[in-house]
Amino acid sequence: MSNAMVLISQNRKPNLRAPIVQTAVTIALDTKYLISQPPGTNSRGIYMFDNRVNNGSSNEGGLELSTVCNAGDIMSFEVIAINELMGGSADTVKITGFNVSQGNVFGGSEGAPIPYHLPGTSPGAYWLAQAVNAGQQVYQIFVEITSSGLHPIVRDITWDPYITAK
């Protein structure tokens, strides 16, 4: 997401605008691959990147992204299915939650990630958070993948990237 303001679409007055996002994290999921793997084996097929490489972010392109943002930044997390239209399928992905295992960058409930319906995205695909405190944090992100087809397969995956706020 760019720094452009976006209209809030649900349960809000139409003249209110979403906060400006300074740090954007995008997660592309190879849904066909991840669904084909046994549960708990998700070391490949997850591609994370952000807009903070000039700030020191590293490990882009894998699942152990180390985002470096500024304390106070509004952060977005967006998941996309990279095989969404392959072969006529329409696999879906959504974030189902976050858990902080170490550190306090989100500042507990004060900056905790929350779902946000961004126009043009599916429900659960986009979340907002705030880097409230300077420091380092390890967090888990929980994602649900649902395959398309007559008998959809649902796969829950989780992994633990990093955030440093300076």
N, C-alpha and C. Protein backbone atom coordinates (compact mmCIF):
# COMPACT_ATOMS: atom_id res chain seq x y z
N MET A 1 0.84 -1.17 0.00
CA MET A 1 0.00 0.00 0.00
C MET A 1 0.89 1.23 0.00
N SER A 2 0.53 2.20 -0.77
CA SER A 2 1.29 3.44 -0.79
C SER A 2 0.88 4.30 0.39
N ASN A 3 1.50 5.46 0.49
CA ASN A 3 1.16 6.37 1.59
C ASN A 3 -0.13 7.13 1.33
N ALA A 4 -0.79 6.84 0.21
CA ALA A 4 -2.05 7.53 -0.09
C ALA A 4 -3.10 7.14 0.93
N MET A 5 -3.97 8.06 1.23
CA MET A 5 -5.06 7.77 2.17
C MET A 5 -6.13 6.98 1.43
N VAL A 6 -6.80 6.11 2.15
CA VAL A 6 -7.82 5.25 1.58
C VAL A 6 -9.11 5.45 2.36
N LEU A 7 -10.24 5.52 1.66
CA LEU A 7 -11.52 5.66 2.34
C LEU A 7 -11.84 4.43 3.17
N ILE A 8 -12.34 4.63 4.34
CA ILE A 8 -12.80 3.52 5.15
C ILE A 8 -14.14 3.07 4.59
N SER A 9 -14.31 1.75 4.41
CA SER A 9 -15.50 1.29 3.71
C SER A 9 -16.56 0.65 4.59
N GLN A 10 -16.23 0.19 5.78
CA GLN A 10 -17.22 -0.51 6.57
C GLN A 10 -17.39 0.13 7.94
N ASN A 11 -18.63 0.24 8.35
CA ASN A 11 -18.97 0.67 9.70
C ASN A 11 -18.38 2.03 10.08
N ARG A 12 -18.13 2.86 9.14
CA ARG A 12 -17.57 4.18 9.42
C ARG A 12 -18.25 5.22 8.53
N LYS A 13 -18.16 6.46 8.92
CA LYS A 13 -18.69 7.53 8.09
C LYS A 13 -17.83 7.64 6.83
N PRO A 14 -18.42 7.88 5.67
CA PRO A 14 -17.66 7.90 4.43
C PRO A 14 -16.60 8.98 4.34
N ASN A 15 -16.66 10.02 5.15
CA ASN A 15 -15.66 11.08 5.06
C ASN A 15 -14.42 10.80 5.92
N LEU A 16 -14.43 9.69 6.70
CA LEU A 16 -13.25 9.34 7.49
C LEU A 16 -12.26 8.61 6.59
N ARG A 17 -11.00 8.74 6.88
CA ARG A 17 -9.97 8.10 6.07
C ARG A 17 -9.10 7.20 6.93
N ALA A 18 -8.55 6.19 6.28
CA ALA A 18 -7.65 5.27 6.98
C ALA A 18 -6.37 5.99 7.35
N PRO A 19 -5.68 5.52 8.38
CA PRO A 19 -4.40 6.13 8.71
C PRO A 19 -3.38 5.91 7.59
N ILE A 20 -2.44 6.81 7.49
CA ILE A 20 -1.36 6.65 6.50
C ILE A 20 -0.41 5.58 7.01
N VAL A 21 -0.10 4.63 6.15
CA VAL A 21 0.79 3.52 6.49
C VAL A 21 2.22 3.90 6.11
N GLN A 22 3.14 3.82 7.08
CA GLN A 22 4.54 4.08 6.80
C GLN A 22 5.31 2.80 6.46
N THR A 23 4.96 1.70 7.12
CA THR A 23 5.65 0.42 6.90
C THR A 23 4.63 -0.60 6.41
N ALA A 24 4.84 -1.08 5.18
CA ALA A 24 3.92 -2.04 4.57
C ALA A 24 4.62 -3.38 4.38
N VAL A 25 4.02 -4.43 4.93
CA VAL A 25 4.54 -5.79 4.79
C VAL A 25 3.56 -6.56 3.91
N THR A 26 4.07 -7.16 2.85
CA THR A 26 3.25 -7.99 1.97
C THR A 26 3.76 -9.42 2.05
N ILE A 27 2.82 -10.35 2.10
CA ILE A 27 3.14 -11.77 2.19
C ILE A 27 2.46 -12.47 1.03
N ALA A 28 3.27 -13.01 0.12
CA ALA A 28 2.74 -13.77 -1.02
C ALA A 28 2.87 -15.25 -0.68
N LEU A 29 1.78 -15.99 -0.84
CA LEU A 29 1.75 -17.40 -0.48
C LEU A 29 1.51 -18.26 -1.72
N ASP A 30 2.39 -19.22 -1.94
CA ASP A 30 2.22 -20.19 -3.02
C ASP A 30 1.21 -21.21 -2.51
N THR A 31 -0.07 -20.91 -2.72
CA THR A 31 -1.14 -21.69 -2.10
C THR A 31 -1.14 -23.15 -2.54
N LYS A 32 -0.94 -23.40 -3.81
CA LYS A 32 -0.95 -24.80 -4.29
C LYS A 32 0.14 -25.60 -3.60
N TYR A 33 1.33 -25.02 -3.48
CA TYR A 33 2.43 -25.72 -2.82
C TYR A 33 2.13 -25.93 -1.34
N LEU A 34 1.73 -24.87 -0.64
CA LEU A 34 1.50 -24.96 0.80
C LEU A 34 0.38 -25.94 1.15
N ILE A 35 -0.66 -25.98 0.35
CA ILE A 35 -1.76 -26.92 0.60
C ILE A 35 -1.30 -28.36 0.37
N SER A 36 -0.36 -28.55 -0.54
CA SER A 36 0.10 -29.91 -0.85
C SER A 36 1.04 -30.48 0.21
N GLN A 37 1.51 -29.65 1.12
CA GLN A 37 2.45 -30.08 2.14
C GLN A 37 1.74 -30.55 3.40
N PRO A 38 2.36 -31.48 4.15
CA PRO A 38 1.76 -31.90 5.42
C PRO A 38 1.68 -30.71 6.38
N PRO A 39 0.66 -30.66 7.22
CA PRO A 39 0.56 -29.55 8.19
C PRO A 39 1.83 -29.44 9.02
N GLY A 40 2.23 -28.20 9.28
CA GLY A 40 3.41 -27.94 10.10
C GLY A 40 4.71 -27.90 9.34
N THR A 41 4.67 -28.10 8.03
CA THR A 41 5.91 -28.06 7.24
C THR A 41 5.83 -26.90 6.25
N ASN A 42 6.04 -25.72 6.73
CA ASN A 42 5.91 -24.54 5.88
C ASN A 42 7.20 -23.74 5.82
N SER A 43 8.29 -24.38 5.45
CA SER A 43 9.56 -23.66 5.37
C SER A 43 9.79 -23.07 3.98
N ARG A 44 8.92 -23.38 3.03
CA ARG A 44 9.03 -22.83 1.67
C ARG A 44 7.63 -22.40 1.22
N GLY A 45 7.59 -21.59 0.17
CA GLY A 45 6.31 -21.17 -0.39
C GLY A 45 5.73 -19.94 0.26
N ILE A 46 6.48 -19.29 1.16
CA ILE A 46 6.05 -18.06 1.82
C ILE A 46 7.08 -16.99 1.49
N TYR A 47 6.62 -15.89 0.90
CA TYR A 47 7.52 -14.84 0.43
C TYR A 47 7.10 -13.51 1.04
N MET A 48 7.89 -13.02 1.99
CA MET A 48 7.59 -11.77 2.68
C MET A 48 8.52 -10.66 2.18
N PHE A 49 7.96 -9.47 2.05
CA PHE A 49 8.78 -8.30 1.73
C PHE A 49 8.10 -7.07 2.29
N ASP A 50 8.89 -5.99 2.44
CA ASP A 50 8.34 -4.74 2.95
C ASP A 50 8.92 -3.56 2.21
N ASN A 51 8.49 -2.38 2.57
CA ASN A 51 8.97 -1.15 1.93
C ASN A 51 10.04 -0.45 2.76
N ARG A 52 10.76 -1.20 3.60
CA ARG A 52 11.72 -0.58 4.50
C ARG A 52 13.16 -1.07 4.31
N VAL A 53 13.52 -1.52 3.11
CA VAL A 53 14.89 -1.97 2.88
C VAL A 53 15.88 -0.82 3.11
N ASN A 54 15.51 0.42 2.79
CA ASN A 54 16.38 1.57 3.05
C ASN A 54 16.52 1.86 4.54
N ASN A 55 15.64 1.31 5.34
CA ASN A 55 15.68 1.49 6.79
C ASN A 55 16.48 0.38 7.47
N GLY A 56 16.84 -0.66 6.68
CA GLY A 56 17.63 -1.76 7.23
C GLY A 56 16.94 -3.12 7.24
N SER A 57 15.71 -3.21 6.70
CA SER A 57 15.03 -4.51 6.65
C SER A 57 15.88 -5.51 5.89
N SER A 58 15.76 -6.79 6.26
CA SER A 58 16.55 -7.83 5.61
C SER A 58 15.74 -9.12 5.51
N ASN A 59 16.31 -10.07 4.81
CA ASN A 59 15.72 -11.40 4.60
C ASN A 59 14.43 -11.36 3.80
N GLU A 60 14.31 -10.38 2.89
CA GLU A 60 13.14 -10.33 2.03
C GLU A 60 13.12 -11.53 1.09
N GLY A 61 11.92 -11.99 0.77
CA GLY A 61 11.76 -13.09 -0.16
C GLY A 61 11.59 -14.44 0.51
N GLY A 62 11.69 -14.51 1.81
CA GLY A 62 11.48 -15.75 2.55
C GLY A 62 10.49 -15.52 3.66
N LEU A 63 10.41 -16.48 4.58
CA LEU A 63 9.43 -16.34 5.65
C LEU A 63 10.00 -15.73 6.92
N GLU A 64 11.29 -15.45 6.97
CA GLU A 64 11.91 -14.86 8.17
C GLU A 64 12.27 -13.39 7.94
N LEU A 65 11.34 -12.63 7.38
CA LEU A 65 11.57 -11.20 7.15
C LEU A 65 11.92 -10.52 8.46
N SER A 66 12.91 -9.64 8.41
CA SER A 66 13.27 -8.83 9.56
C SER A 66 13.00 -7.37 9.18
N THR A 67 11.83 -6.88 9.56
CA THR A 67 11.40 -5.53 9.23
C THR A 67 12.02 -4.54 10.20
N VAL A 68 12.57 -3.46 9.67
CA VAL A 68 13.09 -2.37 10.50
C VAL A 68 12.23 -1.14 10.19
N CYS A 69 11.44 -0.73 11.19
CA CYS A 69 10.56 0.42 11.03
C CYS A 69 10.95 1.48 12.05
N ASN A 70 10.19 2.53 12.12
CA ASN A 70 10.41 3.58 13.10
C ASN A 70 9.34 3.47 14.18
N ALA A 71 9.71 3.72 15.43
CA ALA A 71 8.73 3.75 16.50
C ALA A 71 7.66 4.78 16.14
N GLY A 72 6.42 4.39 16.28
CA GLY A 72 5.30 5.25 15.91
C GLY A 72 4.70 4.93 14.56
N ASP A 73 5.41 4.17 13.73
CA ASP A 73 4.90 3.82 12.39
C ASP A 73 3.59 3.05 12.48
N ILE A 74 2.67 3.40 11.59
CA ILE A 74 1.50 2.56 11.33
C ILE A 74 1.99 1.52 10.33
N MET A 75 1.68 0.25 10.62
CA MET A 75 2.14 -0.85 9.78
C MET A 75 0.94 -1.56 9.17
N SER A 76 1.10 -2.01 7.94
CA SER A 76 0.08 -2.86 7.33
C SER A 76 0.68 -4.22 7.03
N PHE A 77 -0.16 -5.23 7.11
CA PHE A 77 0.20 -6.60 6.77
C PHE A 77 -0.85 -7.08 5.78
N GLU A 78 -0.41 -7.49 4.60
CA GLU A 78 -1.34 -7.95 3.58
C GLU A 78 -0.89 -9.30 3.05
N VAL A 79 -1.82 -10.25 2.93
CA VAL A 79 -1.52 -11.56 2.35
C VAL A 79 -2.19 -11.66 0.99
N ILE A 80 -1.46 -12.28 0.05
CA ILE A 80 -2.01 -12.52 -1.28
C ILE A 80 -1.67 -13.95 -1.70
N ALA A 81 -2.57 -14.54 -2.46
CA ALA A 81 -2.34 -15.88 -3.01
C ALA A 81 -1.70 -15.70 -4.38
N ILE A 82 -0.48 -16.18 -4.56
CA ILE A 82 0.17 -15.96 -5.85
C ILE A 82 -0.30 -16.94 -6.92
N ASN A 83 -1.01 -17.98 -6.53
CA ASN A 83 -1.59 -18.91 -7.51
C ASN A 83 -3.10 -18.71 -7.61
N GLU A 84 -3.56 -17.56 -7.24
CA GLU A 84 -4.99 -17.29 -7.13
C GLU A 84 -5.77 -17.63 -8.40
N LEU A 85 -5.24 -17.29 -9.56
CA LEU A 85 -5.99 -17.52 -10.80
C LEU A 85 -5.40 -18.62 -11.66
N MET A 86 -4.38 -19.29 -11.21
CA MET A 86 -3.75 -20.35 -12.00
C MET A 86 -4.73 -21.49 -12.22
N GLY A 87 -4.92 -21.89 -13.46
CA GLY A 87 -5.80 -23.00 -13.77
C GLY A 87 -7.26 -22.71 -13.44
N GLY A 88 -7.64 -21.45 -13.36
CA GLY A 88 -9.02 -21.10 -13.08
C GLY A 88 -9.40 -21.21 -11.62
N SER A 89 -8.44 -21.51 -10.76
CA SER A 89 -8.76 -21.64 -9.34
C SER A 89 -8.83 -20.28 -8.68
N ALA A 90 -9.39 -20.25 -7.53
CA ALA A 90 -9.47 -19.01 -6.76
C ALA A 90 -9.20 -19.33 -5.29
N ASP A 91 -7.99 -19.79 -5.00
CA ASP A 91 -7.62 -20.04 -3.61
C ASP A 91 -7.71 -18.73 -2.84
N THR A 92 -8.06 -18.82 -1.57
CA THR A 92 -8.13 -17.62 -0.75
C THR A 92 -7.17 -17.73 0.43
N VAL A 93 -6.70 -16.58 0.87
CA VAL A 93 -5.82 -16.51 2.03
C VAL A 93 -6.31 -15.39 2.93
N LYS A 94 -6.14 -15.58 4.23
CA LYS A 94 -6.49 -14.52 5.17
C LYS A 94 -5.66 -14.68 6.43
N ILE A 95 -5.35 -13.55 7.04
CA ILE A 95 -4.66 -13.54 8.33
C ILE A 95 -5.72 -13.79 9.39
N THR A 96 -5.44 -14.72 10.30
CA THR A 96 -6.40 -15.01 11.37
C THR A 96 -5.93 -14.49 12.72
N GLY A 97 -4.67 -14.05 12.81
CA GLY A 97 -4.21 -13.48 14.06
C GLY A 97 -2.71 -13.33 14.15
N PHE A 98 -2.28 -12.71 15.22
CA PHE A 98 -0.87 -12.49 15.53
C PHE A 98 -0.64 -12.86 16.99
N ASN A 99 0.57 -13.24 17.32
CA ASN A 99 0.96 -13.48 18.70
C ASN A 99 2.39 -12.98 18.88
N VAL A 100 2.63 -12.21 19.90
CA VAL A 100 3.98 -11.72 20.18
C VAL A 100 4.63 -12.70 21.14
N SER A 101 5.76 -13.28 20.72
CA SER A 101 6.44 -14.24 21.59
C SER A 101 7.60 -13.61 22.34
N GLN A 102 8.12 -12.50 21.84
CA GLN A 102 9.24 -11.85 22.51
C GLN A 102 9.27 -10.38 22.09
N GLY A 103 9.46 -9.48 23.03
CA GLY A 103 9.56 -8.06 22.73
C GLY A 103 8.24 -7.34 22.93
N ASN A 104 8.26 -6.01 22.71
CA ASN A 104 7.08 -5.20 22.99
C ASN A 104 6.94 -4.05 22.00
N VAL A 105 7.31 -4.26 20.75
CA VAL A 105 7.21 -3.19 19.75
C VAL A 105 5.76 -2.75 19.58
N PHE A 106 4.81 -3.71 19.55
CA PHE A 106 3.40 -3.35 19.41
C PHE A 106 2.80 -2.75 20.67
N GLY A 107 3.50 -2.84 21.80
CA GLY A 107 3.01 -2.24 23.04
C GLY A 107 1.75 -2.88 23.57
N GLY A 108 1.62 -4.18 23.42
CA GLY A 108 0.42 -4.87 23.90
C GLY A 108 -0.79 -4.48 23.08
N SER A 109 -1.92 -4.31 23.74
CA SER A 109 -3.16 -4.00 23.01
C SER A 109 -3.13 -2.61 22.39
N GLU A 110 -2.24 -1.75 22.86
CA GLU A 110 -2.17 -0.38 22.35
C GLU A 110 -1.85 -0.33 20.85
N GLY A 111 -0.97 -1.20 20.38
CA GLY A 111 -0.60 -1.17 18.96
C GLY A 111 -0.84 -2.50 18.26
N ALA A 112 -1.53 -3.42 18.93
CA ALA A 112 -1.74 -4.77 18.41
C ALA A 112 -2.39 -4.76 17.03
N PRO A 113 -1.99 -5.68 16.17
CA PRO A 113 -2.60 -5.77 14.84
C PRO A 113 -4.11 -6.03 14.92
N ILE A 114 -4.83 -5.36 14.04
CA ILE A 114 -6.29 -5.55 13.95
C ILE A 114 -6.67 -5.72 12.47
N PRO A 115 -7.71 -6.52 12.21
CA PRO A 115 -8.16 -6.66 10.82
C PRO A 115 -8.76 -5.34 10.34
N TYR A 116 -8.57 -5.07 9.08
CA TYR A 116 -9.09 -3.83 8.49
C TYR A 116 -9.53 -4.16 7.07
N HIS A 117 -10.76 -3.86 6.75
CA HIS A 117 -11.23 -4.16 5.40
C HIS A 117 -10.85 -3.04 4.45
N LEU A 118 -9.79 -3.27 3.71
CA LEU A 118 -9.34 -2.32 2.69
C LEU A 118 -10.09 -2.62 1.41
N PRO A 119 -10.75 -1.63 0.82
CA PRO A 119 -11.47 -1.88 -0.43
C PRO A 119 -10.56 -2.57 -1.45
N GLY A 120 -11.11 -3.57 -2.10
CA GLY A 120 -10.36 -4.31 -3.11
C GLY A 120 -9.64 -5.53 -2.55
N THR A 121 -9.72 -5.75 -1.24
CA THR A 121 -9.11 -6.94 -0.65
C THR A 121 -10.20 -7.80 -0.04
N SER A 122 -9.91 -9.10 0.12
CA SER A 122 -10.88 -9.97 0.78
C SER A 122 -10.82 -9.77 2.28
N PRO A 123 -11.90 -10.08 2.97
CA PRO A 123 -11.90 -9.95 4.43
C PRO A 123 -10.76 -10.77 5.05
N GLY A 124 -10.03 -10.16 5.97
CA GLY A 124 -8.93 -10.83 6.65
C GLY A 124 -7.60 -10.75 5.93
N ALA A 125 -7.59 -10.25 4.71
CA ALA A 125 -6.34 -10.19 3.94
C ALA A 125 -5.46 -9.01 4.34
N TYR A 126 -6.00 -8.06 5.08
CA TYR A 126 -5.28 -6.82 5.38
C TYR A 126 -5.46 -6.47 6.85
N TRP A 127 -4.36 -6.25 7.55
CA TRP A 127 -4.39 -5.89 8.97
C TRP A 127 -3.53 -4.65 9.19
N LEU A 128 -3.86 -3.88 10.21
CA LEU A 128 -3.09 -2.71 10.61
C LEU A 128 -2.56 -2.89 12.03
N ALA A 129 -1.39 -2.32 12.29
CA ALA A 129 -0.79 -2.34 13.62
C ALA A 129 0.00 -1.04 13.78
N GLN A 130 0.51 -0.82 14.98
CA GLN A 130 1.38 0.32 15.19
C GLN A 130 2.60 -0.10 16.00
N ALA A 131 3.76 0.34 15.54
CA ALA A 131 5.01 0.11 16.27
C ALA A 131 5.06 1.18 17.35
N VAL A 132 4.59 0.85 18.53
CA VAL A 132 4.44 1.81 19.62
C VAL A 132 5.78 2.09 20.30
N ASN A 133 6.58 1.04 20.51
CA ASN A 133 7.82 1.17 21.27
C ASN A 133 9.04 0.84 20.42
N ALA A 134 10.16 1.49 20.69
CA ALA A 134 11.43 1.12 20.07
C ALA A 134 11.88 -0.20 20.69
N GLY A 135 12.55 -1.00 19.91
CA GLY A 135 13.05 -2.28 20.39
C GLY A 135 12.92 -3.37 19.34
N GLN A 136 13.09 -4.61 19.77
CA GLN A 136 12.99 -5.75 18.87
C GLN A 136 11.85 -6.65 19.31
N GLN A 137 11.26 -7.33 18.34
CA GLN A 137 10.13 -8.19 18.64
C GLN A 137 10.12 -9.38 17.69
N VAL A 138 9.77 -10.53 18.23
CA VAL A 138 9.49 -11.72 17.43
C VAL A 138 8.00 -11.94 17.55
N TYR A 139 7.35 -12.16 16.43
CA TYR A 139 5.90 -12.38 16.46
C TYR A 139 5.55 -13.56 15.57
N GLN A 140 4.44 -14.20 15.87
CA GLN A 140 3.90 -15.23 14.99
C GLN A 140 2.74 -14.62 14.23
N ILE A 141 2.65 -15.00 12.98
CA ILE A 141 1.51 -14.61 12.16
C ILE A 141 0.78 -15.89 11.79
N PHE A 142 -0.53 -15.86 11.92
CA PHE A 142 -1.37 -17.03 11.63
C PHE A 142 -2.18 -16.75 10.37
N VAL A 143 -2.10 -17.66 9.41
CA VAL A 143 -2.76 -17.48 8.12
C VAL A 143 -3.57 -18.73 7.79
N GLU A 144 -4.73 -18.53 7.20
CA GLU A 144 -5.56 -19.63 6.73
C GLU A 144 -5.59 -19.60 5.21
N ILE A 145 -5.32 -20.75 4.60
CA ILE A 145 -5.40 -20.91 3.15
C ILE A 145 -6.56 -21.84 2.86
N THR A 146 -7.42 -21.47 1.92
CA THR A 146 -8.52 -22.32 1.50
C THR A 146 -8.40 -22.54 0.00
N SER A 147 -8.32 -23.80 -0.40
CA SER A 147 -8.22 -24.10 -1.83
C SER A 147 -9.60 -23.98 -2.46
N SER A 148 -9.59 -23.79 -3.75
CA SER A 148 -10.85 -23.76 -4.48
C SER A 148 -11.21 -25.19 -4.88
N GLY A 149 -12.36 -25.36 -5.44
CA GLY A 149 -12.75 -26.67 -5.95
C GLY A 149 -13.95 -27.24 -5.24
N LEU A 150 -14.34 -28.41 -5.69
CA LEU A 150 -15.52 -29.08 -5.16
C LEU A 150 -15.37 -29.44 -3.69
N HIS A 151 -14.16 -29.85 -3.29
CA HIS A 151 -13.88 -30.21 -1.90
C HIS A 151 -12.71 -29.36 -1.40
N PRO A 152 -12.98 -28.13 -0.98
CA PRO A 152 -11.90 -27.24 -0.55
C PRO A 152 -11.10 -27.82 0.61
N ILE A 153 -9.82 -27.54 0.57
CA ILE A 153 -8.92 -27.91 1.65
C ILE A 153 -8.57 -26.63 2.40
N VAL A 154 -8.63 -26.68 3.73
CA VAL A 154 -8.25 -25.53 4.55
C VAL A 154 -6.97 -25.90 5.28
N ARG A 155 -5.97 -25.02 5.17
CA ARG A 155 -4.70 -25.27 5.83
C ARG A 155 -4.35 -24.03 6.64
N ASP A 156 -4.09 -24.22 7.93
CA ASP A 156 -3.64 -23.14 8.81
C ASP A 156 -2.13 -23.22 8.92
N ILE A 157 -1.47 -22.09 8.70
CA ILE A 157 -0.01 -22.06 8.81
C ILE A 157 0.40 -20.90 9.71
N THR A 158 1.57 -21.02 10.29
CA THR A 158 2.12 -19.97 11.14
C THR A 158 3.63 -19.98 11.03
N TRP A 159 4.25 -18.84 11.23
CA TRP A 159 5.70 -18.72 11.26
C TRP A 159 6.04 -17.47 12.05
N ASP A 160 7.34 -17.21 12.26
CA ASP A 160 7.71 -16.14 13.19
C ASP A 160 8.76 -15.19 12.63
N PRO A 161 8.29 -14.12 11.96
CA PRO A 161 9.22 -13.08 11.50
C PRO A 161 9.59 -12.11 12.64
N TYR A 162 10.34 -11.07 12.29
CA TYR A 162 10.91 -10.15 13.28
C TYR A 162 10.59 -8.70 12.93
N ILE A 163 10.51 -7.87 13.96
CA ILE A 163 10.36 -6.43 13.78
C ILE A 163 11.35 -5.73 14.71
N THR A 164 12.04 -4.75 14.17
CA THR A 164 12.86 -3.84 14.98
C THR A 164 12.33 -2.44 14.75
N ALA A 165 12.01 -1.74 15.81
CA ALA A 165 11.58 -0.34 15.70
C ALA A 165 12.67 0.51 16.31
N LYS A 166 13.07 1.54 15.56
CA LYS A 166 14.12 2.42 16.08
C LYS A 166 13.61 3.83 16.27
